[in-house]
Amino acid sequence: MENGSEVKTMILAGDVGGTKTLLGLFDTTRPRPRPLLVRSFGTLDHADLPAMIAVFLKEGGGARASNGAIASACFGVAGPVVDDTVRVTNVPWFVDGPIVAAALGLPRVALLNDLEALAHAVPVLRESETHTLQDGAALPGGNIALIAAGTGLGEALLHNINGTFVPSASEGGHADFAARTEREIAVTRDLTKRFGRADLEHVVSGRGIVNIHRVAHEQACTATVDLESPGAAAMISAAAMERRCAGCVETLDLFIEAYGAAAGNLALRAVSTGGMYVGGGIAPKILPALTAGAFMRTFRAKPPLDAMLSAMPVKVILNAESGLLGAAVFAANHS
């Protein structure tokens, strides 16, 4: 008790990405915690996660009523979790779970791979938070697969264990890129020359759009000024969807075909007869291009198992805060 009132507990959740980080306070409602305060930060605007959390909690003091307390915390982080630490893949951040816990005065905090955190949100997503690319029919005992292209590329599985979905992390985004066409072989050659190998994230991600653009354009592109700028992929995609540049159109076409093929490969590995979900920041922004047909065509083009893939529900996640929600779901279930 505090000041004669019952102490209300809250969840602190985070979604730490290569470009931006979302932090949020949630109530402990199950199965879907309710957000009380959410704020977005540029990931490199602060020295580390504890410094960012301190700013968030100080500035969000109004939402932390005097009788409120953080009972548990979970952070999805873009990188592999090893021994309660994460070296963030695309930015020079190192997240140490015990240090974050000490800063919060908690015995421990949970660190999850960002796609594993997003996977925890999938079972509680509302229909309005997804867009269906293929209706399909989910099998009752089937697994679910999740792929998400943004700054990088993430993959995760939701194993169906006696009717309960159990998420597991993956670093499949850094597996080798499998070229299927002559144009993709040209992209692979360029990537191998520049990086020593072509991994999937080199193609299916924001920087992947830029990498494809370098190959698709034999002449200078008038739609983009600086390929090194953070907004280059968005500019290329916009020019393609507005049909302002033939090279940008080819770039986006190659990206979508590679994305669909990668999703289909993951669906095979997971045997995701419960469905495939496409997350990340890119898909909602290029939804008209994703629904044009090429994504699903390359997703399904996996004989002799194309019939199985044609029967899987495929949905795009529209809720931009799903990764944060998933971290909150995990925290609520493990508090």
C-alpha atoms as a PDB file:
ATOM      1  CA  MET A   1       0.000   0.000   0.000  1.00  0.00           C
ATOM      2  CA  GLU A   2       1.158   3.557  -0.724  1.00  0.00           C
ATOM      3  CA  ASN A   3      -0.647   6.734   0.424  1.00  0.00           C
ATOM      4  CA  GLY A   4      -3.613   4.561   1.378  1.00  0.00           C
ATOM      5  CA  SER A   5      -3.989   3.272  -2.182  1.00  0.00           C
ATOM      6  CA  GLU A   6      -3.304  -0.088  -3.702  1.00  0.00           C
ATOM      7  CA  VAL A   7      -0.036  -0.196  -5.640  1.00  0.00           C
ATOM      8  CA  LYS A   8      -0.759  -0.742  -9.334  1.00  0.00           C
ATOM      9  CA  THR A   9       1.818  -2.680 -11.281  1.00  0.00           C
ATOM     10  CA  MET A  10       2.845  -1.982 -14.856  1.00  0.00           C
ATOM     11  CA  ILE A  11       4.934  -3.570 -17.565  1.00  0.00           C
ATOM     12  CA  LEU A  12       7.849  -1.814 -19.277  1.00  0.00           C
ATOM     13  CA  ALA A  13       8.356  -3.074 -22.827  1.00  0.00           C
ATOM     14  CA  GLY A  14      10.737  -2.148 -25.617  1.00  0.00           C
ATOM     15  CA  ASP A  15      11.285  -2.851 -29.301  1.00  0.00           C
ATOM     16  CA  VAL A  16      14.916  -1.998 -30.093  1.00  0.00           C
ATOM     17  CA  GLY A  17      15.553  -1.764 -33.823  1.00  0.00           C
ATOM     18  CA  GLY A  18      18.390  -0.722 -36.071  1.00  0.00           C
ATOM     19  CA  THR A  19      16.794   2.658 -36.816  1.00  0.00           C
ATOM     20  CA  LYS A  20      14.216   3.370 -34.126  1.00  0.00           C
ATOM     21  CA  THR A  21      13.301   2.092 -30.687  1.00  0.00           C
ATOM     22  CA  LEU A  22       9.826   1.999 -29.166  1.00  0.00           C
ATOM     23  CA  LEU A  23       9.406   2.051 -25.395  1.00  0.00           C
ATOM     24  CA  GLY A  24       6.065   1.602 -23.677  1.00  0.00           C
ATOM     25  CA  LEU A  25       4.332   1.223 -20.345  1.00  0.00           C
ATOM     26  CA  PHE A  26       1.469  -1.276 -20.295  1.00  0.00           C
ATOM     27  CA  ASP A  27      -1.035  -2.546 -17.803  1.00  0.00           C
ATOM     28  CA  THR A  28      -0.954  -6.258 -16.978  1.00  0.00           C
ATOM     29  CA  THR A  29      -4.144  -7.260 -18.799  1.00  0.00           C
ATOM     30  CA  ARG A  30      -3.964 -10.704 -20.390  1.00  0.00           C
ATOM     31  CA  PRO A  31      -3.760 -11.940 -23.069  1.00  0.00           C
ATOM     32  CA  ARG A  32      -3.213  -8.460 -24.561  1.00  0.00           C
ATOM     33  CA  PRO A  33      -1.744  -5.800 -22.243  1.00  0.00           C
ATOM     34  CA  ARG A  34      -3.153  -2.294 -22.757  1.00  0.00           C
ATOM     35  CA  PRO A  35      -0.668   0.512 -23.598  1.00  0.00           C
ATOM     36  CA  LEU A  36      -0.540   3.412 -21.129  1.00  0.00           C
ATOM     37  CA  LEU A  37       2.302   5.362 -22.718  1.00  0.00           C
ATOM     38  CA  VAL A  38       4.355   4.708 -25.858  1.00  0.00           C
ATOM     39  CA  ARG A  39       7.207   6.765 -27.260  1.00  0.00           C
ATOM     40  CA  SER A  40       9.492   6.400 -30.271  1.00  0.00           C
ATOM     41  CA  PHE A  41      13.229   7.209 -30.161  1.00  0.00           C
ATOM     42  CA  GLY A  42      15.998   7.241 -32.734  1.00  0.00           C
ATOM     43  CA  THR A  43      18.068   4.275 -31.577  1.00  0.00           C
ATOM     44  CA  LEU A  44      21.352   6.185 -31.710  1.00  0.00           C
ATOM     45  CA  ASP A  45      19.937   9.334 -30.095  1.00  0.00           C
ATOM     46  CA  HIS A  46      21.091   7.926 -26.733  1.00  0.00           C
ATOM     47  CA  ALA A  47      24.286   6.215 -25.637  1.00  0.00           C
ATOM     48  CA  ASP A  48      22.603   2.997 -24.559  1.00  0.00           C
ATOM     49  CA  LEU A  49      19.293   1.449 -23.546  1.00  0.00           C
ATOM     50  CA  PRO A  50      19.415   2.384 -19.822  1.00  0.00           C
ATOM     51  CA  ALA A  51      19.990   6.052 -20.765  1.00  0.00           C
ATOM     52  CA  MET A  52      17.034   5.957 -23.156  1.00  0.00           C
ATOM     53  CA  ILE A  53      14.806   4.293 -20.560  1.00  0.00           C
ATOM     54  CA  ALA A  54      15.733   6.956 -17.991  1.00  0.00           C
ATOM     55  CA  VAL A  55      14.620   9.719 -20.381  1.00  0.00           C
ATOM     56  CA  PHE A  56      11.417   7.845 -21.225  1.00  0.00           C
ATOM     57  CA  LEU A  57      10.444   7.324 -17.588  1.00  0.00           C
ATOM     58  CA  LYS A  58      11.296  10.889 -16.620  1.00  0.00           C
ATOM     59  CA  GLU A  59       9.356  12.434 -19.494  1.00  0.00           C
ATOM     60  CA  GLY A  60       6.478   9.999 -18.998  1.00  0.00           C
ATOM     61  CA  GLY A  61       6.118  10.694 -15.310  1.00  0.00           C
ATOM     62  CA  GLY A  62       2.539  11.817 -15.768  1.00  0.00           C
ATOM     63  CA  ALA A  63       1.550   8.336 -16.932  1.00  0.00           C
ATOM     64  CA  ARG A  64       3.369   6.745 -13.985  1.00  0.00           C
ATOM     65  CA  ALA A  65       0.895   7.596 -11.280  1.00  0.00           C
ATOM     66  CA  SER A  66       2.340   7.985  -7.800  1.00  0.00           C
ATOM     67  CA  ASN A  67       0.858   4.609  -6.884  1.00  0.00           C
ATOM     68  CA  GLY A  68       2.339   2.831  -9.922  1.00  0.00           C
ATOM     69  CA  ALA A  69       5.342   0.505 -10.080  1.00  0.00           C
ATOM     70  CA  ILE A  70       7.097  -1.460 -12.824  1.00  0.00           C
ATOM     71  CA  ALA A  71       6.700  -5.136 -12.006  1.00  0.00           C
ATOM     72  CA  SER A  72       8.384  -6.654 -15.045  1.00  0.00           C
ATOM     73  CA  ALA A  73      10.177  -5.630 -18.218  1.00  0.00           C
ATOM     74  CA  CYS A  74      10.901  -7.211 -21.580  1.00  0.00           C
ATOM     75  CA  PHE A  75      12.816  -5.873 -24.574  1.00  0.00           C
ATOM     76  CA  GLY A  76      12.868  -7.212 -28.098  1.00  0.00           C
ATOM     77  CA  VAL A  77      16.265  -6.433 -29.600  1.00  0.00           C
ATOM     78  CA  ALA A  78      17.461  -6.723 -33.206  1.00  0.00           C
ATOM     79  CA  GLY A  79      20.180  -9.306 -32.762  1.00  0.00           C
ATOM     80  CA  PRO A  80      20.868 -12.772 -31.303  1.00  0.00           C
ATOM     81  CA  VAL A  81      20.405 -13.068 -27.528  1.00  0.00           C
ATOM     82  CA  VAL A  82      23.401 -14.847 -26.001  1.00  0.00           C
ATOM     83  CA  ASP A  83      23.867 -15.234 -22.237  1.00  0.00           C
ATOM     84  CA  ASP A  84      21.342 -12.477 -21.453  1.00  0.00           C
ATOM     85  CA  THR A  85      23.105  -9.975 -23.724  1.00  0.00           C
ATOM     86  CA  VAL A  86      22.583  -8.725 -27.267  1.00  0.00           C
ATOM     87  CA  ARG A  87      24.974  -7.038 -29.640  1.00  0.00           C
ATOM     88  CA  VAL A  88      22.560  -5.103 -31.855  1.00  0.00           C
ATOM     89  CA  THR A  89      23.103  -6.180 -35.439  1.00  0.00           C
ATOM     90  CA  ASN A  90      23.025  -2.925 -37.409  1.00  0.00           C
ATOM     91  CA  VAL A  91      24.036  -0.316 -34.811  1.00  0.00           C
ATOM     92  CA  PRO A  92      26.939  -0.145 -32.306  1.00  0.00           C
ATOM     93  CA  TRP A  93      24.816  -0.936 -29.244  1.00  0.00           C
ATOM     94  CA  PHE A  94      25.395  -3.663 -26.671  1.00  0.00           C
ATOM     95  CA  VAL A  95      22.437  -4.498 -24.429  1.00  0.00           C
ATOM     96  CA  ASP A  96      23.312  -6.218 -21.143  1.00  0.00           C
ATOM     97  CA  GLY A  97      20.252  -7.631 -19.369  1.00  0.00           C
ATOM     98  CA  PRO A  98      21.618  -7.484 -15.786  1.00  0.00           C
ATOM     99  CA  ILE A  99      22.749  -3.858 -16.261  1.00  0.00           C
ATOM    100  CA  VAL A 100      19.304  -2.849 -17.548  1.00  0.00           C
ATOM    101  CA  ALA A 101      17.658  -4.715 -14.659  1.00  0.00           C
ATOM    102  CA  ALA A 102      19.881  -2.966 -12.104  1.00  0.00           C
ATOM    103  CA  ALA A 103      19.033   0.433 -13.579  1.00  0.00           C
ATOM    104  CA  LEU A 104      15.334  -0.371 -13.149  1.00  0.00           C
ATOM    105  CA  GLY A 105      15.691  -1.890  -9.707  1.00  0.00           C
ATOM    106  CA  LEU A 106      14.362  -5.228 -10.936  1.00  0.00           C
ATOM    107  CA  PRO A 107      15.813  -8.689 -10.243  1.00  0.00           C
ATOM    108  CA  ARG A 108      15.945  -9.323 -13.989  1.00  0.00           C
ATOM    109  CA  VAL A 109      14.579  -8.202 -17.328  1.00  0.00           C
ATOM    110  CA  ALA A 110      13.795 -10.407 -20.308  1.00  0.00           C
ATOM    111  CA  LEU A 111      15.711  -9.927 -23.550  1.00  0.00           C
ATOM    112  CA  LEU A 112      14.283 -11.468 -26.713  1.00  0.00           C
ATOM    113  CA  ASN A 113      15.316 -11.340 -30.327  1.00  0.00           C
ATOM    114  CA  ASP A 114      13.090  -8.686 -31.913  1.00  0.00           C
ATOM    115  CA  LEU A 115      11.322 -11.195 -34.178  1.00  0.00           C
ATOM    116  CA  GLU A 116      10.753 -13.553 -31.277  1.00  0.00           C
ATOM    117  CA  ALA A 117       9.121 -10.626 -29.452  1.00  0.00           C
ATOM    118  CA  LEU A 118       6.984  -9.852 -32.510  1.00  0.00           C
ATOM    119  CA  ALA A 119       5.973 -13.518 -32.653  1.00  0.00           C
ATOM    120  CA  HIS A 120       4.457 -13.220 -29.164  1.00  0.00           C
ATOM    121  CA  ALA A 121       2.083 -10.582 -30.574  1.00  0.00           C
ATOM    122  CA  VAL A 122       0.831 -12.708 -33.479  1.00  0.00           C
ATOM    123  CA  PRO A 123      -1.766 -14.751 -31.516  1.00  0.00           C
ATOM    124  CA  VAL A 124      -3.345 -11.574 -30.067  1.00  0.00           C
ATOM    125  CA  LEU A 125      -3.459  -9.463 -33.235  1.00  0.00           C
ATOM    126  CA  ARG A 126      -6.890  -8.203 -34.254  1.00  0.00           C
ATOM    127  CA  GLU A 127      -8.210  -8.801 -37.749  1.00  0.00           C
ATOM    128  CA  SER A 128      -8.052  -5.045 -38.429  1.00  0.00           C
ATOM    129  CA  GLU A 129      -4.314  -5.133 -37.736  1.00  0.00           C
ATOM    130  CA  THR A 130      -3.538  -7.421 -40.670  1.00  0.00           C
ATOM    131  CA  HIS A 131      -4.043  -7.434 -44.427  1.00  0.00           C
ATOM    132  CA  THR A 132      -4.659 -10.775 -46.119  1.00  0.00           C
ATOM    133  CA  LEU A 133      -2.561 -11.647 -49.163  1.00  0.00           C
ATOM    134  CA  GLN A 134      -3.879 -15.208 -49.363  1.00  0.00           C
ATOM    135  CA  ASP A 135      -6.912 -16.535 -47.506  1.00  0.00           C
ATOM    136  CA  GLY A 136      -5.833 -20.149 -47.280  1.00  0.00           C
ATOM    137  CA  ALA A 137      -7.080 -22.361 -44.457  1.00  0.00           C
ATOM    138  CA  ALA A 138      -5.052 -22.657 -41.257  1.00  0.00           C
ATOM    139  CA  LEU A 139      -4.701 -26.251 -40.047  1.00  0.00           C
ATOM    140  CA  PRO A 140      -5.534 -26.661 -36.343  1.00  0.00           C
ATOM    141  CA  GLY A 141      -2.174 -28.223 -35.447  1.00  0.00           C
ATOM    142  CA  GLY A 142      -0.082 -26.168 -37.856  1.00  0.00           C
ATOM    143  CA  ASN A 143       2.935 -24.009 -37.086  1.00  0.00           C
ATOM    144  CA  ILE A 144       3.143 -20.306 -37.954  1.00  0.00           C
ATOM    145  CA  ALA A 145       6.113 -18.568 -39.621  1.00  0.00           C
ATOM    146  CA  LEU A 146       7.032 -14.900 -39.413  1.00  0.00           C
ATOM    147  CA  ILE A 147       9.291 -12.852 -41.700  1.00  0.00           C
ATOM    148  CA  ALA A 148       9.935  -9.135 -41.379  1.00  0.00           C
ATOM    149  CA  ALA A 149      11.995  -6.799 -43.548  1.00  0.00           C
ATOM    150  CA  GLY A 150      12.921  -3.364 -42.226  1.00  0.00           C
ATOM    151  CA  THR A 151      16.374  -1.959 -41.574  1.00  0.00           C
ATOM    152  CA  GLY A 152      17.408  -5.622 -41.506  1.00  0.00           C
ATOM    153  CA  LEU A 153      15.614  -8.919 -42.033  1.00  0.00           C
ATOM    154  CA  GLY A 154      14.227 -11.087 -39.257  1.00  0.00           C
ATOM    155  CA  GLU A 155      12.623 -14.505 -39.148  1.00  0.00           C
ATOM    156  CA  ALA A 156      10.897 -16.433 -36.359  1.00  0.00           C
ATOM    157  CA  LEU A 157       8.793 -19.542 -35.888  1.00  0.00           C
ATOM    158  CA  LEU A 158       5.749 -20.195 -33.740  1.00  0.00           C
ATOM    159  CA  HIS A 159       5.727 -23.905 -32.990  1.00  0.00           C
ATOM    160  CA  ASN A 160       2.286 -25.356 -32.316  1.00  0.00           C
ATOM    161  CA  ILE A 161       2.697 -27.398 -29.137  1.00  0.00           C
ATOM    162  CA  ASN A 162      -0.602 -29.049 -28.233  1.00  0.00           C
ATOM    163  CA  GLY A 163      -2.534 -26.019 -29.424  1.00  0.00           C
ATOM    164  CA  THR A 164      -0.271 -23.403 -27.845  1.00  0.00           C
ATOM    165  CA  PHE A 165       2.039 -21.333 -30.039  1.00  0.00           C
ATOM    166  CA  VAL A 166       5.589 -21.227 -28.689  1.00  0.00           C
ATOM    167  CA  PRO A 167       7.787 -18.626 -30.448  1.00  0.00           C
ATOM    168  CA  SER A 168      11.437 -19.324 -31.178  1.00  0.00           C
ATOM    169  CA  ALA A 169      14.096 -16.995 -32.514  1.00  0.00           C
ATOM    170  CA  SER A 170      16.041 -17.378 -35.737  1.00  0.00           C
ATOM    171  CA  GLU A 171      18.921 -15.634 -37.473  1.00  0.00           C
ATOM    172  CA  GLY A 172      17.772 -16.893 -40.858  1.00  0.00           C
ATOM    173  CA  GLY A 173      17.985 -13.379 -42.244  1.00  0.00           C
ATOM    174  CA  HIS A 174      21.758 -13.855 -42.385  1.00  0.00           C
ATOM    175  CA  ALA A 175      21.576 -17.157 -44.251  1.00  0.00           C
ATOM    176  CA  ASP A 176      22.826 -17.227 -47.842  1.00  0.00           C
ATOM    177  CA  PHE A 177      20.677 -15.538 -50.468  1.00  0.00           C
ATOM    178  CA  ALA A 178      19.368 -18.057 -53.013  1.00  0.00           C
ATOM    179  CA  ALA A 179      19.320 -16.459 -56.459  1.00  0.00           C
ATOM    180  CA  ARG A 180      16.639 -17.831 -58.800  1.00  0.00           C
ATOM    181  CA  THR A 181      16.970 -15.731 -61.980  1.00  0.00           C
ATOM    182  CA  GLU A 182      19.687 -14.163 -64.113  1.00  0.00           C
ATOM    183  CA  ARG A 183      18.972 -10.720 -62.630  1.00  0.00           C
ATOM    184  CA  GLU A 184      19.230 -12.112 -59.099  1.00  0.00           C
ATOM    185  CA  ILE A 185      22.480 -13.817 -60.067  1.00  0.00           C
ATOM    186  CA  ALA A 186      23.783 -10.395 -61.161  1.00  0.00           C
ATOM    187  CA  VAL A 187      22.801  -8.991 -57.754  1.00  0.00           C
ATOM    188  CA  THR A 188      24.548 -11.912 -56.045  1.00  0.00           C
ATOM    189  CA  ARG A 189      27.733 -11.315 -58.031  1.00  0.00           C
ATOM    190  CA  ASP A 190      27.745  -7.643 -57.058  1.00  0.00           C
ATOM    191  CA  LEU A 191      27.133  -8.409 -53.383  1.00  0.00           C
ATOM    192  CA  THR A 192      29.799 -11.100 -53.314  1.00  0.00           C
ATOM    193  CA  LYS A 193      32.290  -8.693 -54.861  1.00  0.00           C
ATOM    194  CA  ARG A 194      31.507  -5.976 -52.310  1.00  0.00           C
ATOM    195  CA  PHE A 195      30.869  -8.009 -49.132  1.00  0.00           C
ATOM    196  CA  GLY A 196      32.502 -11.394 -49.684  1.00  0.00           C
ATOM    197  CA  ARG A 197      29.132 -13.166 -49.667  1.00  0.00           C
ATOM    198  CA  ALA A 198      25.488 -12.455 -50.379  1.00  0.00           C
ATOM    199  CA  ASP A 199      23.274 -13.001 -47.382  1.00  0.00           C
ATOM    200  CA  LEU A 200      19.493 -12.747 -47.472  1.00  0.00           C
ATOM    201  CA  GLU A 201      19.452  -9.452 -45.563  1.00  0.00           C
ATOM    202  CA  HIS A 202      21.678  -7.919 -48.261  1.00  0.00           C
ATOM    203  CA  VAL A 203      18.680  -8.275 -50.599  1.00  0.00           C
ATOM    204  CA  VAL A 204      15.489  -8.404 -48.521  1.00  0.00           C
ATOM    205  CA  SER A 205      15.695  -5.306 -46.317  1.00  0.00           C
ATOM    206  CA  GLY A 206      15.842  -1.539 -46.607  1.00  0.00           C
ATOM    207  CA  ARG A 207      19.517  -1.632 -47.462  1.00  0.00           C
ATOM    208  CA  GLY A 208      18.699  -4.549 -49.758  1.00  0.00           C
ATOM    209  CA  ILE A 209      16.534  -2.230 -51.855  1.00  0.00           C
ATOM    210  CA  VAL A 210      19.542   0.064 -52.183  1.00  0.00           C
ATOM    211  CA  ASN A 211      21.831  -2.869 -53.057  1.00  0.00           C
ATOM    212  CA  ILE A 212      19.441  -4.036 -55.789  1.00  0.00           C
ATOM    213  CA  HIS A 213      19.170  -0.455 -57.061  1.00  0.00           C
ATOM    214  CA  ARG A 214      22.921  -0.327 -57.692  1.00  0.00           C
ATOM    215  CA  VAL A 215      22.581  -3.268 -60.072  1.00  0.00           C
ATOM    216  CA  ALA A 216      19.250  -2.367 -61.658  1.00  0.00           C
ATOM    217  CA  HIS A 217      20.460   1.086 -62.721  1.00  0.00           C
ATOM    218  CA  GLU A 218      22.909   1.179 -65.593  1.00  0.00           C
ATOM    219  CA  GLN A 219      22.569   4.967 -65.649  1.00  0.00           C
ATOM    220  CA  ALA A 220      22.222   7.584 -62.933  1.00  0.00           C
ATOM    221  CA  CYS A 221      18.844   7.670 -61.202  1.00  0.00           C
ATOM    222  CA  THR A 222      17.014  10.988 -61.126  1.00  0.00           C
ATOM    223  CA  ALA A 223      14.594   9.810 -58.419  1.00  0.00           C
ATOM    224  CA  THR A 224      17.203   9.461 -55.686  1.00  0.00           C
ATOM    225  CA  VAL A 225      19.960  11.877 -54.762  1.00  0.00           C
ATOM    226  CA  ASP A 226      22.089  10.019 -52.215  1.00  0.00           C
ATOM    227  CA  LEU A 227      22.025   6.236 -51.914  1.00  0.00           C
ATOM    228  CA  GLU A 228      23.833   6.519 -48.580  1.00  0.00           C
ATOM    229  CA  SER A 229      21.048   8.562 -46.991  1.00  0.00           C
ATOM    230  CA  PRO A 230      18.738   6.857 -44.468  1.00  0.00           C
ATOM    231  CA  GLY A 231      15.734   7.566 -46.676  1.00  0.00           C
ATOM    232  CA  ALA A 232      17.161   6.121 -49.897  1.00  0.00           C
ATOM    233  CA  ALA A 233      15.093   2.911 -49.840  1.00  0.00           C
ATOM    234  CA  ALA A 234      11.888   4.869 -49.270  1.00  0.00           C
ATOM    235  CA  MET A 235      12.702   7.217 -52.150  1.00  0.00           C
ATOM    236  CA  ILE A 236      13.390   4.294 -54.482  1.00  0.00           C
ATOM    237  CA  SER A 237      10.146   2.578 -53.467  1.00  0.00           C
ATOM    238  CA  ALA A 238       8.127   5.775 -53.935  1.00  0.00           C
ATOM    239  CA  ALA A 239       9.623   6.390 -57.382  1.00  0.00           C
ATOM    240  CA  ALA A 240       8.810   2.797 -58.337  1.00  0.00           C
ATOM    241  CA  MET A 241       5.196   2.868 -57.148  1.00  0.00           C
ATOM    242  CA  GLU A 242       4.650   6.221 -58.890  1.00  0.00           C
ATOM    243  CA  ARG A 243       6.262   4.795 -62.061  1.00  0.00           C
ATOM    244  CA  ARG A 244       8.677   7.735 -62.252  1.00  0.00           C
ATOM    245  CA  CYS A 245      11.795   5.685 -62.945  1.00  0.00           C
ATOM    246  CA  ALA A 246      12.130   2.421 -64.876  1.00  0.00           C
ATOM    247  CA  GLY A 247      15.215   1.384 -62.907  1.00  0.00           C
ATOM    248  CA  CYS A 248      13.418   1.945 -59.594  1.00  0.00           C
ATOM    249  CA  VAL A 249      10.468  -0.102 -60.901  1.00  0.00           C
ATOM    250  CA  GLU A 250      12.826  -2.971 -61.679  1.00  0.00           C
ATOM    251  CA  THR A 251      14.444  -2.579 -58.257  1.00  0.00           C
ATOM    252  CA  LEU A 252      11.139  -2.885 -56.433  1.00  0.00           C
ATOM    253  CA  ASP A 253      10.043  -5.770 -58.664  1.00  0.00           C
ATOM    254  CA  LEU A 254      13.243  -7.674 -57.855  1.00  0.00           C
ATOM    255  CA  PHE A 255      12.852  -6.898 -54.146  1.00  0.00           C
ATOM    256  CA  ILE A 256       9.255  -8.112 -53.993  1.00  0.00           C
ATOM    257  CA  GLU A 257      10.043 -11.315 -55.871  1.00  0.00           C
ATOM    258  CA  ALA A 258      13.003 -12.029 -53.588  1.00  0.00           C
ATOM    259  CA  TYR A 259      10.883 -11.243 -50.509  1.00  0.00           C
ATOM    260  CA  GLY A 260       8.113 -13.600 -51.621  1.00  0.00           C
ATOM    261  CA  ALA A 261      10.601 -16.370 -52.413  1.00  0.00           C
ATOM    262  CA  ALA A 262      12.275 -15.948 -49.003  1.00  0.00           C
ATOM    263  CA  ALA A 263       8.880 -16.089 -47.279  1.00  0.00           C
ATOM    264  CA  GLY A 264       8.077 -19.279 -49.171  1.00  0.00           C
ATOM    265  CA  ASN A 265      11.417 -20.813 -48.186  1.00  0.00           C
ATOM    266  CA  LEU A 266      10.705 -20.042 -44.530  1.00  0.00           C
ATOM    267  CA  ALA A 267       7.199 -21.480 -44.853  1.00  0.00           C
ATOM    268  CA  LEU A 268       8.741 -24.731 -46.116  1.00  0.00           C
ATOM    269  CA  ARG A 269      11.286 -24.872 -43.303  1.00  0.00           C
ATOM    270  CA  ALA A 270       8.618 -24.225 -40.686  1.00  0.00           C
ATOM    271  CA  VAL A 271       5.869 -26.253 -42.407  1.00  0.00           C
ATOM    272  CA  SER A 272       3.737 -23.242 -41.488  1.00  0.00           C
ATOM    273  CA  THR A 273       0.338 -24.727 -42.247  1.00  0.00           C
ATOM    274  CA  GLY A 274      -1.025 -22.456 -39.507  1.00  0.00           C
ATOM    275  CA  GLY A 275      -0.114 -19.392 -41.556  1.00  0.00           C
ATOM    276  CA  MET A 276       2.632 -17.023 -42.663  1.00  0.00           C
ATOM    277  CA  TYR A 277       2.852 -13.467 -41.296  1.00  0.00           C
ATOM    278  CA  VAL A 278       4.824 -10.671 -42.965  1.00  0.00           C
ATOM    279  CA  GLY A 279       5.940  -8.012 -40.482  1.00  0.00           C
ATOM    280  CA  GLY A 280       8.473  -5.203 -40.445  1.00  0.00           C
ATOM    281  CA  GLY A 281       8.298  -1.586 -41.506  1.00  0.00           C
ATOM    282  CA  ILE A 282       8.555  -2.042 -45.265  1.00  0.00           C
ATOM    283  CA  ALA A 283       5.528  -4.218 -46.100  1.00  0.00           C
ATOM    284  CA  PRO A 284       2.757  -1.782 -45.034  1.00  0.00           C
ATOM    285  CA  LYS A 285       4.449   1.036 -46.952  1.00  0.00           C
ATOM    286  CA  ILE A 286       4.521  -0.902 -50.230  1.00  0.00           C
ATOM    287  CA  LEU A 287       1.242  -2.774 -49.743  1.00  0.00           C
ATOM    288  CA  PRO A 288      -0.109  -1.941 -53.234  1.00  0.00           C
ATOM    289  CA  ALA A 289       3.009  -3.467 -54.771  1.00  0.00           C
ATOM    290  CA  LEU A 290       2.830  -6.517 -52.474  1.00  0.00           C
ATOM    291  CA  THR A 291      -0.757  -7.184 -53.502  1.00  0.00           C
ATOM    292  CA  ALA A 292      -0.015  -6.926 -57.237  1.00  0.00           C
ATOM    293  CA  GLY A 293       0.773 -10.642 -57.467  1.00  0.00           C
ATOM    294  CA  ALA A 294       4.544 -11.147 -57.710  1.00  0.00           C
ATOM    295  CA  PHE A 295       5.045 -11.692 -53.964  1.00  0.00           C
ATOM    296  CA  MET A 296       2.532 -14.529 -53.778  1.00  0.00           C
ATOM    297  CA  ARG A 297       3.642 -15.977 -57.107  1.00  0.00           C
ATOM    298  CA  THR A 298       7.205 -16.472 -55.879  1.00  0.00           C
ATOM    299  CA  PHE A 299       5.940 -17.538 -52.449  1.00  0.00           C
ATOM    300  CA  ARG A 300       3.980 -20.402 -53.994  1.00  0.00           C
ATOM    301  CA  ALA A 301       6.469 -21.388 -56.720  1.00  0.00           C
ATOM    302  CA  LYS A 302       7.992 -24.298 -54.782  1.00  0.00           C
ATOM    303  CA  PRO A 303       7.094 -27.523 -56.620  1.00  0.00           C
ATOM    304  CA  PRO A 304       6.458 -30.220 -55.561  1.00  0.00           C
ATOM    305  CA  LEU A 305       5.016 -28.464 -52.474  1.00  0.00           C
ATOM    306  CA  ASP A 306       3.318 -25.531 -54.210  1.00  0.00           C
ATOM    307  CA  ALA A 307      -0.123 -26.937 -53.325  1.00  0.00           C
ATOM    308  CA  MET A 308       0.741 -26.852 -49.604  1.00  0.00           C
ATOM    309  CA  LEU A 309       1.952 -23.272 -49.880  1.00  0.00           C
ATOM    310  CA  SER A 310      -1.171 -22.290 -51.827  1.00  0.00           C
ATOM    311  CA  ALA A 311      -3.285 -23.456 -48.872  1.00  0.00           C
ATOM    312  CA  MET A 312      -1.475 -21.387 -46.226  1.00  0.00           C
ATOM    313  CA  PRO A 313      -3.022 -18.131 -44.961  1.00  0.00           C
ATOM    314  CA  VAL A 314      -0.605 -15.255 -45.656  1.00  0.00           C
ATOM    315  CA  LYS A 315      -1.079 -11.931 -43.866  1.00  0.00           C
ATOM    316  CA  VAL A 316       0.764  -8.613 -43.625  1.00  0.00           C
ATOM    317  CA  ILE A 317       0.978  -7.115 -40.130  1.00  0.00           C
ATOM    318  CA  LEU A 318      -0.205  -3.497 -40.251  1.00  0.00           C
ATOM    319  CA  ASN A 319       0.228  -2.578 -36.571  1.00  0.00           C
ATOM    320  CA  ALA A 320       3.557  -0.719 -36.423  1.00  0.00           C
ATOM    321  CA  GLU A 321       3.795  -1.347 -32.664  1.00  0.00           C
ATOM    322  CA  SER A 322       3.377  -5.130 -32.830  1.00  0.00           C
ATOM    323  CA  GLY A 323       6.948  -5.837 -31.714  1.00  0.00           C
ATOM    324  CA  LEU A 324       6.419  -3.664 -28.643  1.00  0.00           C
ATOM    325  CA  LEU A 325       3.103  -5.386 -27.967  1.00  0.00           C
ATOM    326  CA  GLY A 326       4.773  -8.788 -28.197  1.00  0.00           C
ATOM    327  CA  ALA A 327       7.394  -7.793 -25.621  1.00  0.00           C
ATOM    328  CA  ALA A 328       4.559  -6.679 -23.324  1.00  0.00           C
ATOM    329  CA  VAL A 329       2.714  -9.972 -23.891  1.00  0.00           C
ATOM    330  CA  PHE A 330       5.830 -11.910 -22.897  1.00  0.00           C
ATOM    331  CA  ALA A 331       6.350  -9.761 -19.799  1.00  0.00           C
ATOM    332  CA  ALA A 332       2.717 -10.198 -18.720  1.00  0.00           C
ATOM    333  CA  ASN A 333       2.940 -13.962 -19.098  1.00  0.00           C
ATOM    334  CA  HIS A 334       6.224 -14.199 -17.184  1.00  0.00           C
ATOM    335  CA  SER A 335       5.720 -11.633 -14.420  1.00  0.00           C
END
